[in-house]
């Protein structure tokens, strides 16, 4: 898996150089919070997107999907900012020290940084979240309904956020003993702490999205390990348009390490088209 990821990274860098996309600019968003700011080199009407990565990943995401999305948005005339959540945003990191609260703080810092950039239009900001990043986008959108005009949710959780973890052995261990260990075959052993799980108490994503008035797209694979509750989740969303797409045969990470299947590219295509339409 690591070899495949490194191979994709090299290919992504070469592709960006060859096509002449605006290069990522490494930025300090807030103390101990870094990110990659990508502003189009060509015409730009102020459209900007925040990208929130999933659990224990980094700003480029699994299979470098977020890096590819940032490059694509740049080509299509939209800026983007993707951050490394504190205590978590390193794909090689095993000891996770973030909580959902620190994620929400980091997302708010990213939004503030975005608005300070010359050319960004406050009424043309969107968000893309992958897995736990989708939970982050939903909760921020519910708490600050004026922030995002549109969002795209990849493999999103839904409903009671604490309960979604509660039945797992590693969460039970962390809640009981203070520390839990999750073995992810072919990747790494992830260490989590009681504070991480406790921070999800009282978070209900169905209720949160009901307070978000903007457009929302949900993309999921039919083989996702999370429950397929996309219709139920979107039924709580008051905004329009709202759409759900299920990719038959794709899993939680859209089988990005089997690129011939094309699921990753399909996710990028759907997200790009959505943001062009709603942002």
Protein backbone atom coordinates (compact mmCIF):
# COMPACT_ATOMS: atom_id res chain seq x y z
CA UNK A 1 0.00 0.00 0.00
CA UNK A 2 2.79 2.46 0.86
CA UNK A 3 4.49 1.77 -2.48
CA UNK A 4 1.24 2.41 -4.30
CA UNK A 5 0.74 5.66 -2.42
CA UNK A 6 4.26 6.87 -3.16
CA UNK A 7 3.83 5.96 -6.81
CA UNK A 8 0.61 7.98 -6.99
CA UNK A 9 2.33 10.94 -5.28
CA UNK A 10 5.10 10.98 -7.86
CA UNK A 11 2.60 10.76 -10.67
CA UNK A 12 0.57 13.58 -9.14
CA UNK A 13 3.58 15.90 -8.91
CA UNK A 14 4.60 15.22 -12.50
CA UNK A 15 1.06 15.75 -13.69
CA UNK A 16 0.82 19.11 -11.90
CA UNK A 17 4.10 20.27 -13.41
CA UNK A 18 3.16 19.13 -16.89
CA UNK A 19 -0.24 20.80 -16.94
CA UNK A 20 0.95 24.05 -15.40
CA UNK A 21 -1.51 24.10 -12.50
CA UNK A 22 -0.91 26.65 -9.77
CA UNK A 23 1.49 25.09 -7.29
CA UNK A 24 0.52 24.42 -3.69
CA UNK A 25 1.72 27.06 -1.27
CA UNK A 26 2.49 25.66 2.18
CA UNK A 27 0.94 27.97 4.76
CA UNK A 28 0.61 28.31 8.52
CA UNK A 29 -3.11 28.60 9.16
CA UNK A 30 -2.81 28.96 12.95
CA UNK A 31 -0.21 27.95 15.56
CA UNK A 32 0.63 24.25 14.99
CA UNK A 33 -1.89 24.12 12.13
CA UNK A 34 -0.50 23.98 8.61
CA UNK A 35 -2.06 23.60 5.22
CA UNK A 36 -1.75 23.91 1.46
CA UNK A 37 -3.25 26.95 -0.24
CA UNK A 38 -3.89 26.67 -3.95
CA UNK A 39 -4.98 29.75 -5.89
CA UNK A 40 -5.74 29.62 -9.62
CA UNK A 41 -3.18 31.27 -11.86
CA UNK A 42 -5.82 32.21 -14.40
CA UNK A 43 -9.17 34.02 -14.08
CA UNK A 44 -10.78 33.62 -10.65
CA UNK A 45 -14.16 34.82 -9.45
CA UNK A 46 -13.50 34.24 -5.74
CA UNK A 47 -14.85 30.67 -5.48
CA UNK A 48 -12.96 28.80 -2.74
CA UNK A 49 -13.20 25.36 -1.16
CA UNK A 50 -12.05 23.97 2.19
CA UNK A 51 -10.98 20.31 2.13
CA UNK A 52 -11.29 18.34 5.40
CA UNK A 53 -9.42 15.02 5.48
CA UNK A 54 -10.56 11.84 7.17
CA UNK A 55 -9.43 10.13 10.36
CA UNK A 56 -5.66 9.57 10.73
CA UNK A 57 -4.96 10.81 7.21
CA UNK A 58 -3.38 14.06 6.01
CA UNK A 59 -4.24 16.99 3.77
CA UNK A 60 -3.54 15.05 0.55
CA UNK A 61 -5.84 12.18 1.59
CA UNK A 62 -5.79 8.49 0.75
CA UNK A 63 -4.58 7.91 -2.80
CA UNK A 64 -3.82 11.65 -2.90
CA UNK A 65 -7.44 12.33 -3.85
CA UNK A 66 -7.46 15.74 -2.17
CA UNK A 67 -4.25 16.79 -3.88
CA UNK A 68 -5.76 15.78 -7.20
CA UNK A 69 -8.98 17.61 -6.37
CA UNK A 70 -7.06 20.79 -5.46
CA UNK A 71 -5.21 20.65 -8.77
CA UNK A 72 -8.43 20.13 -10.65
CA UNK A 73 -10.21 22.98 -8.86
CA UNK A 74 -7.28 25.26 -9.68
CA UNK A 75 -7.60 24.39 -13.35
CA UNK A 76 -11.33 25.10 -13.19
CA UNK A 77 -10.87 28.51 -11.59
CA UNK A 78 -11.48 27.78 -7.90
CA UNK A 79 -9.07 28.21 -4.98
CA UNK A 80 -8.73 25.63 -2.22
CA UNK A 81 -7.25 25.20 1.23
CA UNK A 82 -6.59 21.78 2.70
CA UNK A 83 -5.26 21.42 6.24
CA UNK A 84 -3.56 18.83 8.42
CA UNK A 85 -5.71 18.52 11.52
CA UNK A 86 -3.61 18.92 14.67
CA UNK A 87 -2.74 15.71 16.51
CA UNK A 88 -3.75 13.67 13.49
CA UNK A 89 -2.77 15.05 10.08
CA UNK A 90 0.10 12.75 9.16
CA UNK A 91 -0.52 9.49 7.30
CA UNK A 92 2.41 7.88 9.15
CA UNK A 93 1.24 8.99 12.58
CA UNK A 94 0.02 6.19 14.84
CA UNK A 95 -0.76 8.04 18.09
CA UNK A 96 -3.87 10.13 17.47
CA UNK A 97 -4.13 13.07 19.85
CA UNK A 98 -6.95 15.02 18.22
CA UNK A 99 -10.54 15.24 19.38
CA UNK A 100 -13.65 16.26 17.50
CA UNK A 101 -13.45 19.59 19.33
CA UNK A 102 -9.91 20.26 18.06
CA UNK A 103 -11.07 19.33 14.58
CA UNK A 104 -13.87 21.91 14.79
CA UNK A 105 -11.41 24.52 16.07
CA UNK A 106 -9.05 23.77 13.17
CA UNK A 107 -11.89 23.95 10.65
CA UNK A 108 -12.87 27.35 12.04
CA UNK A 109 -9.25 28.52 11.83
CA UNK A 110 -9.12 27.35 8.21
CA UNK A 111 -12.26 29.31 7.40
CA UNK A 112 -10.81 32.42 9.01
CA UNK A 113 -7.56 32.02 7.08
CA UNK A 114 -9.50 31.61 3.86
CA UNK A 115 -11.42 34.84 4.33
CA UNK A 116 -8.18 36.74 4.91
CA UNK A 117 -6.89 35.82 1.46
CA UNK A 118 -7.20 38.50 -1.19
CA UNK A 119 -9.85 37.68 -3.77
CA UNK A 120 -11.88 35.19 -1.72
CA UNK A 121 -15.61 35.91 -1.80
CA UNK A 122 -17.34 35.16 1.49
CA UNK A 123 -20.56 34.11 -0.21
CA UNK A 124 -18.79 31.62 -2.52
CA UNK A 125 -17.12 29.25 -0.06
CA UNK A 126 -17.70 25.50 -0.14
CA UNK A 127 -16.46 22.46 1.76
CA UNK A 128 -15.50 18.90 0.89
CA UNK A 129 -15.15 16.33 3.67
CA UNK A 130 -14.03 12.71 3.55
CA UNK A 131 -15.36 10.32 6.23
CA UNK A 132 -14.62 12.02 9.58
CA UNK A 133 -13.87 15.11 7.51
CA UNK A 134 -17.47 14.92 6.30
CA UNK A 135 -18.65 14.82 9.93
CA UNK A 136 -16.49 17.90 10.53
CA UNK A 137 -18.04 19.73 7.58
CA UNK A 138 -21.58 18.85 8.64
CA UNK A 139 -21.08 19.99 12.23
CA UNK A 140 -19.38 23.24 11.21
CA UNK A 141 -22.10 23.86 8.65
CA UNK A 142 -24.74 23.37 11.32
CA UNK A 143 -23.04 25.64 13.84
CA UNK A 144 -22.25 28.33 11.28
CA UNK A 145 -24.99 28.10 8.65
CA UNK A 146 -23.76 31.17 6.80
CA UNK A 147 -20.25 29.84 6.13
CA UNK A 148 -20.72 27.33 3.30
CA UNK A 149 -22.74 27.76 0.15
CA UNK A 150 -22.31 24.10 -0.76
CA UNK A 151 -20.63 20.94 0.47
CA UNK A 152 -19.69 17.52 -0.86
CA UNK A 153 -19.56 14.63 1.60
CA UNK A 154 -17.50 11.54 0.79
CA UNK A 155 -18.30 8.34 2.73
CA UNK A 156 -20.01 10.36 5.44
CA UNK A 157 -21.09 9.10 8.86
CA UNK A 158 -24.57 10.07 10.01
CA UNK A 159 -26.80 10.05 13.06
CA UNK A 160 -25.42 9.74 16.60
CA UNK A 161 -21.66 10.20 16.21
CA UNK A 162 -20.74 8.73 19.60
CA UNK A 163 -22.90 5.66 19.12
CA UNK A 164 -21.26 4.94 15.76
CA UNK A 165 -18.00 4.31 17.63
CA UNK A 166 -19.37 2.81 20.82
CA UNK A 167 -19.69 -0.81 19.68
CA UNK A 168 -16.14 -1.13 18.35
CA UNK A 169 -13.60 -3.03 20.44
CA UNK A 170 -10.97 -0.28 20.21
CA UNK A 171 -13.42 2.42 21.35
CA UNK A 172 -14.60 0.27 24.23
CA UNK A 173 -10.99 -0.26 25.28
CA UNK A 174 -10.23 3.46 25.10
CA UNK A 175 -13.34 4.40 27.07
CA UNK A 176 -12.58 1.74 29.67
CA UNK A 177 -8.79 1.93 29.94
CA UNK A 178 -7.96 5.32 28.47
CA UNK A 179 -6.19 3.91 25.38
CA UNK A 180 -7.39 1.80 22.46
CA UNK A 181 -5.54 0.19 19.56
CA UNK A 182 -7.00 -0.40 16.12
CA UNK A 183 -5.17 -2.64 13.67
CA UNK A 184 -5.73 -1.56 10.07
CA UNK A 185 -4.36 -4.38 7.86
CA UNK A 186 -1.82 -3.20 5.30
CA UNK A 187 -1.62 0.28 6.81
CA UNK A 188 -0.82 0.86 10.49
CA UNK A 189 -1.84 0.39 14.11
CA UNK A 190 -3.79 3.42 15.29
CA UNK A 191 -3.72 4.41 18.96
CA UNK A 192 -6.67 6.45 20.22
CA UNK A 193 -7.55 7.89 23.61
CA UNK A 194 -10.65 8.22 25.75
CA UNK A 195 -10.84 11.97 25.08
CA UNK A 196 -11.25 11.37 21.35
CA UNK A 197 -14.40 9.28 21.78
CA UNK A 198 -15.84 11.37 24.59
CA UNK A 199 -15.69 14.43 22.33
CA UNK A 200 -18.42 12.93 20.12
CA UNK A 201 -21.00 12.75 22.89
CA UNK A 202 -23.99 14.88 22.03
CA UNK A 203 -23.07 15.15 18.34
CA UNK A 204 -25.93 14.07 16.09
CA UNK A 205 -25.13 14.65 12.44
CA UNK A 206 -28.75 14.34 11.33
CA UNK A 207 -29.63 17.21 13.63
CA UNK A 208 -26.56 19.21 12.61
CA UNK A 209 -27.26 19.03 8.87
CA UNK A 210 -30.83 20.18 9.59
CA UNK A 211 -29.34 23.56 10.57
CA UNK A 212 -27.28 23.87 7.38
CA UNK A 213 -29.19 25.69 4.59
CA UNK A 214 -26.85 25.17 1.65
CA UNK A 215 -26.52 22.62 -1.14
CA UNK A 216 -25.24 19.16 -0.23
CA UNK A 217 -23.97 16.17 -2.21
CA UNK A 218 -23.28 12.77 -0.64
CA UNK A 219 -21.04 10.22 -2.42
CA UNK A 220 -20.61 6.70 -1.08
CA UNK A 221 -19.59 3.26 -2.25
CA UNK A 222 -22.05 0.41 -2.05
CA UNK A 223 -19.44 -1.61 -0.12
CA UNK A 224 -18.77 1.11 2.45
CA UNK A 225 -18.22 -0.16 5.99
CA UNK A 226 -20.48 2.64 7.26
CA UNK A 227 -24.28 2.30 7.09
CA UNK A 228 -25.90 3.57 3.90
CA UNK A 229 -28.16 6.23 5.42
CA UNK A 230 -27.60 8.89 2.78
CA UNK A 231 -31.29 9.35 1.99
CA UNK A 232 -32.14 9.64 5.69
CA UNK A 233 -29.31 12.14 6.26
CA UNK A 234 -30.29 14.31 3.31
CA UNK A 235 -33.94 14.23 4.29
CA UNK A 236 -32.91 16.33 7.29
CA UNK A 237 -31.13 18.89 5.09
CA UNK A 238 -33.36 21.90 4.25
CA UNK A 239 -31.16 23.25 1.44
CA UNK A 240 -31.39 22.69 -2.29
CA UNK A 241 -30.11 21.08 -4.34
CA UNK A 242 -29.38 17.93 -2.34
CA UNK A 243 -28.30 14.72 -4.00
CA UNK A 244 -26.88 11.31 -3.09
CA UNK A 245 -24.76 9.09 -5.33
CA UNK A 246 -23.90 5.48 -4.53
CA UNK A 247 -21.07 3.96 -6.55
CA UNK A 248 -21.76 0.27 -7.03
CA UNK A 249 -18.77 -1.86 -6.03
CA UNK A 250 -16.78 0.93 -4.35
CA UNK A 251 -15.73 0.75 -0.71
CA UNK A 252 -15.14 3.40 1.98
CA UNK A 253 -12.03 4.75 0.23
CA UNK A 254 -13.43 4.15 -3.27
CA UNK A 255 -10.83 1.43 -3.96
CA UNK A 256 -8.26 4.09 -4.86
CA UNK A 257 -5.46 1.52 -4.83
CA UNK A 258 -7.18 -0.20 -7.73
CA UNK A 259 -7.15 2.79 -10.09
CA UNK A 260 -8.23 0.72 -13.07
CA UNK A 261 -11.68 0.47 -11.48
CA UNK A 262 -12.05 4.22 -11.90
CA UNK A 263 -13.91 4.95 -8.66
CA UNK A 264 -11.50 7.64 -7.49
CA UNK A 265 -11.76 9.44 -10.82
CA UNK A 266 -15.54 9.16 -10.67
CA UNK A 267 -15.58 10.81 -7.24
CA UNK A 268 -13.41 13.65 -8.54
CA UNK A 269 -15.65 14.09 -11.59
CA UNK A 270 -18.83 14.16 -9.50
CA UNK A 271 -17.37 16.58 -6.97
CA UNK A 272 -15.97 18.90 -9.61
CA UNK A 273 -19.28 19.03 -11.48
CA UNK A 274 -21.16 19.64 -8.23
CA UNK A 275 -18.95 22.54 -7.19
CA UNK A 276 -19.14 24.12 -10.63
CA UNK A 277 -22.91 23.89 -10.44
CA UNK A 278 -23.52 25.01 -6.85
CA UNK A 279 -20.57 27.24 -5.92
